[in-house]
């Protein structure tokens, strides 16, 4: 790669957030050389360091894209997806993420709440879509993720759910309590129609 092509290879990408290993792979360089070059671009303001090992083209990066990149494997789910779908009415400013660990991180004035899920669930892509370089749960998967984490949870509006998809995704959890809870919620929802 020529000198001017290193930065342009990142800027041409449709991604807004890059891990160090993403950049080293794009450039095809050793870690030491890539680290030196990255340090230069951050100092000159041509790249923005979001947090250790994660970089963005500028400060207008996608917060949800970052959420799915801080710890991998991970995907945006829970109240973030349910709120956007109109299933819960309470607004949360933080972004909720399914991950292999439980953590709360503040990064660039944004709170990210990571909730631990079994690796077998994280690695199962049923009901998880790749949208704008970000792994995001469908509203049905987010609904089930919330029930997996919480024994009792109040949903404000269940009408946006596609119940066929809910019952299609449900077996991946392998959880009898969830099976019963989903069945009870479904029957209660249908009785109110």
Protein backbone atom coordinates (compact mmCIF):
# COMPACT_ATOMS: atom_id res chain seq x y z
CA UNK A 1 0.00 0.00 0.00
CA UNK A 2 1.25 3.49 -0.80
CA UNK A 3 1.52 6.12 1.91
CA UNK A 4 -1.78 7.90 1.10
CA UNK A 5 -3.74 4.68 0.70
CA UNK A 6 -3.69 3.63 4.36
CA UNK A 7 -6.12 6.27 5.57
CA UNK A 8 -8.23 6.22 2.39
CA UNK A 9 -8.73 2.43 2.76
CA UNK A 10 -10.47 3.11 6.08
CA UNK A 11 -12.38 6.18 4.92
CA UNK A 12 -13.81 4.31 1.90
CA UNK A 13 -15.30 1.61 4.13
CA UNK A 14 -19.00 1.78 4.96
CA UNK A 15 -18.13 0.97 8.60
CA UNK A 16 -17.87 3.85 11.04
CA UNK A 17 -16.12 1.91 13.84
CA UNK A 18 -13.01 -0.28 13.56
CA UNK A 19 -11.15 -2.47 16.00
CA UNK A 20 -7.36 -2.46 15.93
CA UNK A 21 -7.36 -5.95 14.39
CA UNK A 22 -9.81 -4.79 11.67
CA UNK A 23 -7.40 -2.02 10.68
CA UNK A 24 -4.30 -4.23 10.83
CA UNK A 25 -6.07 -6.74 8.56
CA UNK A 26 -7.20 -4.04 6.07
CA UNK A 27 -3.66 -2.68 5.91
CA UNK A 28 -2.04 -6.13 5.90
CA UNK A 29 0.61 -4.99 8.37
CA UNK A 30 2.19 -6.25 11.56
CA UNK A 31 0.74 -5.06 14.85
CA UNK A 32 3.70 -2.78 15.63
CA UNK A 33 3.63 -1.01 12.26
CA UNK A 34 -0.17 -0.64 12.32
CA UNK A 35 -0.07 0.69 15.91
CA UNK A 36 2.51 3.33 14.96
CA UNK A 37 0.54 4.41 11.89
CA UNK A 38 -2.73 4.52 13.89
CA UNK A 39 -1.10 6.61 16.60
CA UNK A 40 -0.02 9.11 13.95
CA UNK A 41 -3.53 9.35 12.43
CA UNK A 42 -5.09 9.87 15.87
CA UNK A 43 -2.55 12.59 16.77
CA UNK A 44 -3.19 14.44 13.51
CA UNK A 45 -6.98 14.16 14.00
CA UNK A 46 -7.56 12.07 10.88
CA UNK A 47 -8.95 9.20 12.99
CA UNK A 48 -10.79 9.31 16.32
CA UNK A 49 -9.87 6.91 19.14
CA UNK A 50 -13.17 5.94 20.76
CA UNK A 51 -11.63 3.70 23.43
CA UNK A 52 -8.61 1.46 23.72
CA UNK A 53 -8.35 -0.65 20.58
CA UNK A 54 -11.39 0.91 18.88
CA UNK A 55 -11.24 3.72 16.33
CA UNK A 56 -13.73 5.72 14.28
CA UNK A 57 -13.51 7.80 11.13
CA UNK A 58 -14.74 10.82 13.09
CA UNK A 59 -16.93 11.72 16.08
CA UNK A 60 -20.11 11.05 14.07
CA UNK A 61 -19.76 7.27 14.34
CA UNK A 62 -22.71 4.93 14.91
CA UNK A 63 -23.23 4.31 18.64
CA UNK A 64 -25.06 1.04 17.96
CA UNK A 65 -22.23 -0.12 15.70
CA UNK A 66 -19.80 0.59 18.52
CA UNK A 67 -22.05 -1.28 20.99
CA UNK A 68 -21.73 -4.49 19.01
CA UNK A 69 -17.95 -4.06 18.63
CA UNK A 70 -16.75 -3.37 22.20
CA UNK A 71 -17.02 -7.03 23.27
CA UNK A 72 -17.55 -9.70 20.64
CA UNK A 73 -19.59 -11.74 20.06
CA UNK A 74 -22.37 -9.32 20.91
CA UNK A 75 -25.55 -7.85 19.47
CA UNK A 76 -27.86 -4.95 20.37
CA UNK A 77 -31.03 -6.25 22.02
CA UNK A 78 -33.30 -5.96 25.07
CA UNK A 79 -34.93 -2.60 25.85
CA UNK A 80 -33.08 -0.82 23.03
CA UNK A 81 -34.84 -2.91 20.37
CA UNK A 82 -38.13 -3.23 22.27
CA UNK A 83 -38.35 0.55 22.73
CA UNK A 84 -37.73 1.21 19.02
CA UNK A 85 -40.39 -1.38 18.11
CA UNK A 86 -42.97 0.18 20.46
CA UNK A 87 -43.21 -2.90 22.69
CA UNK A 88 -42.03 -0.96 25.73
CA UNK A 89 -42.85 2.70 26.19
CA UNK A 90 -40.16 3.71 28.68
CA UNK A 91 -37.20 5.47 27.07
CA UNK A 92 -33.70 4.38 28.07
CA UNK A 93 -30.74 6.50 27.08
CA UNK A 94 -28.29 3.62 27.37
CA UNK A 95 -27.82 0.98 24.71
CA UNK A 96 -28.48 -2.61 25.85
CA UNK A 97 -26.27 -5.33 24.41
CA UNK A 98 -26.25 -9.13 24.68
CA UNK A 99 -22.70 -10.26 25.36
CA UNK A 100 -20.60 -12.94 27.06
CA UNK A 101 -20.23 -10.78 30.19
CA UNK A 102 -22.13 -8.29 32.31
CA UNK A 103 -20.69 -4.77 32.32
CA UNK A 104 -21.68 -1.14 32.19
CA UNK A 105 -19.39 1.10 30.20
CA UNK A 106 -19.42 4.83 29.63
CA UNK A 107 -17.80 5.78 26.38
CA UNK A 108 -17.91 9.20 24.74
CA UNK A 109 -20.91 10.29 26.90
CA UNK A 110 -22.92 7.16 26.08
CA UNK A 111 -23.77 4.36 28.51
CA UNK A 112 -23.60 0.80 27.23
CA UNK A 113 -25.18 -1.97 29.34
CA UNK A 114 -23.91 -5.44 28.52
CA UNK A 115 -25.92 -8.40 29.75
CA UNK A 116 -24.48 -11.88 29.94
CA UNK A 117 -25.95 -14.58 27.73
CA UNK A 118 -24.79 -18.16 27.23
CA UNK A 119 -22.27 -18.48 24.40
CA UNK A 120 -24.51 -20.97 22.62
CA UNK A 121 -27.16 -18.21 22.38
CA UNK A 122 -24.68 -15.49 21.37
CA UNK A 123 -23.35 -17.64 18.56
CA UNK A 124 -26.84 -18.52 17.28
CA UNK A 125 -27.78 -15.96 14.61
CA UNK A 126 -31.50 -16.86 14.52
CA UNK A 127 -33.35 -13.58 14.97
CA UNK A 128 -30.21 -11.44 14.78
CA UNK A 129 -29.76 -9.23 11.72
CA UNK A 130 -26.72 -7.39 10.45
CA UNK A 131 -27.99 -3.86 9.93
CA UNK A 132 -25.61 -1.00 9.02
CA UNK A 133 -22.55 -3.02 10.12
CA UNK A 134 -24.20 -3.72 13.46
CA UNK A 135 -25.63 -6.95 14.85
CA UNK A 136 -29.16 -6.17 16.09
CA UNK A 137 -31.81 -8.53 17.41
CA UNK A 138 -35.22 -8.59 15.76
CA UNK A 139 -38.05 -7.46 18.04
CA UNK A 140 -39.01 -11.13 18.53
CA UNK A 141 -35.48 -12.13 19.57
CA UNK A 142 -35.21 -9.08 21.88
CA UNK A 143 -38.56 -10.04 23.47
CA UNK A 144 -37.23 -13.55 24.16
CA UNK A 145 -33.86 -12.21 25.38
CA UNK A 146 -35.65 -10.07 27.96
CA UNK A 147 -37.67 -13.07 29.15
CA UNK A 148 -34.47 -15.12 29.32
CA UNK A 149 -32.81 -12.56 31.62
CA UNK A 150 -35.91 -11.50 33.63
CA UNK A 151 -38.44 -13.85 35.21
CA UNK A 152 -41.11 -11.16 35.35
CA UNK A 153 -41.20 -8.27 32.93
CA UNK A 154 -43.97 -5.93 31.90
CA UNK A 155 -44.43 -5.34 28.17
CA UNK A 156 -46.59 -2.35 27.24
CA UNK A 157 -47.66 -3.38 23.74
CA UNK A 158 -47.30 -6.89 22.29
CA UNK A 159 -49.13 -6.22 19.01
CA UNK A 160 -45.91 -5.51 16.99
CA UNK A 161 -44.67 -9.08 17.62
CA UNK A 162 -44.94 -11.76 14.96
CA UNK A 163 -45.86 -14.70 17.19
CA UNK A 164 -44.90 -17.26 14.53
CA UNK A 165 -41.35 -15.88 14.64
CA UNK A 166 -41.38 -15.86 18.46
CA UNK A 167 -42.27 -19.56 18.55
CA UNK A 168 -39.75 -20.27 15.78
CA UNK A 169 -36.90 -18.68 17.80
CA UNK A 170 -37.97 -19.96 21.25
CA UNK A 171 -36.39 -23.48 21.00
CA UNK A 172 -32.82 -22.08 20.84
CA UNK A 173 -33.10 -21.12 24.53
CA UNK A 174 -33.87 -24.68 25.67
CA UNK A 175 -35.62 -23.30 28.74
CA UNK A 176 -38.84 -24.83 30.14
CA UNK A 177 -39.62 -21.78 32.27
CA UNK A 178 -39.43 -19.55 29.19
CA UNK A 179 -41.58 -21.94 27.15
CA UNK A 180 -44.32 -21.77 29.77
CA UNK A 181 -44.00 -17.99 30.19
CA UNK A 182 -44.18 -17.31 26.44
CA UNK A 183 -47.20 -19.60 26.12
CA UNK A 184 -48.93 -17.79 29.03
CA UNK A 185 -48.17 -14.35 27.57
CA UNK A 186 -49.40 -15.44 24.14
CA UNK A 187 -52.66 -16.84 25.55
CA UNK A 188 -53.23 -13.71 27.63
CA UNK A 189 -52.53 -11.49 24.60
CA UNK A 190 -54.96 -13.46 22.40
CA UNK A 191 -57.71 -13.42 25.05
CA UNK A 192 -57.65 -9.60 25.04
CA UNK A 193 -58.22 -9.35 21.29
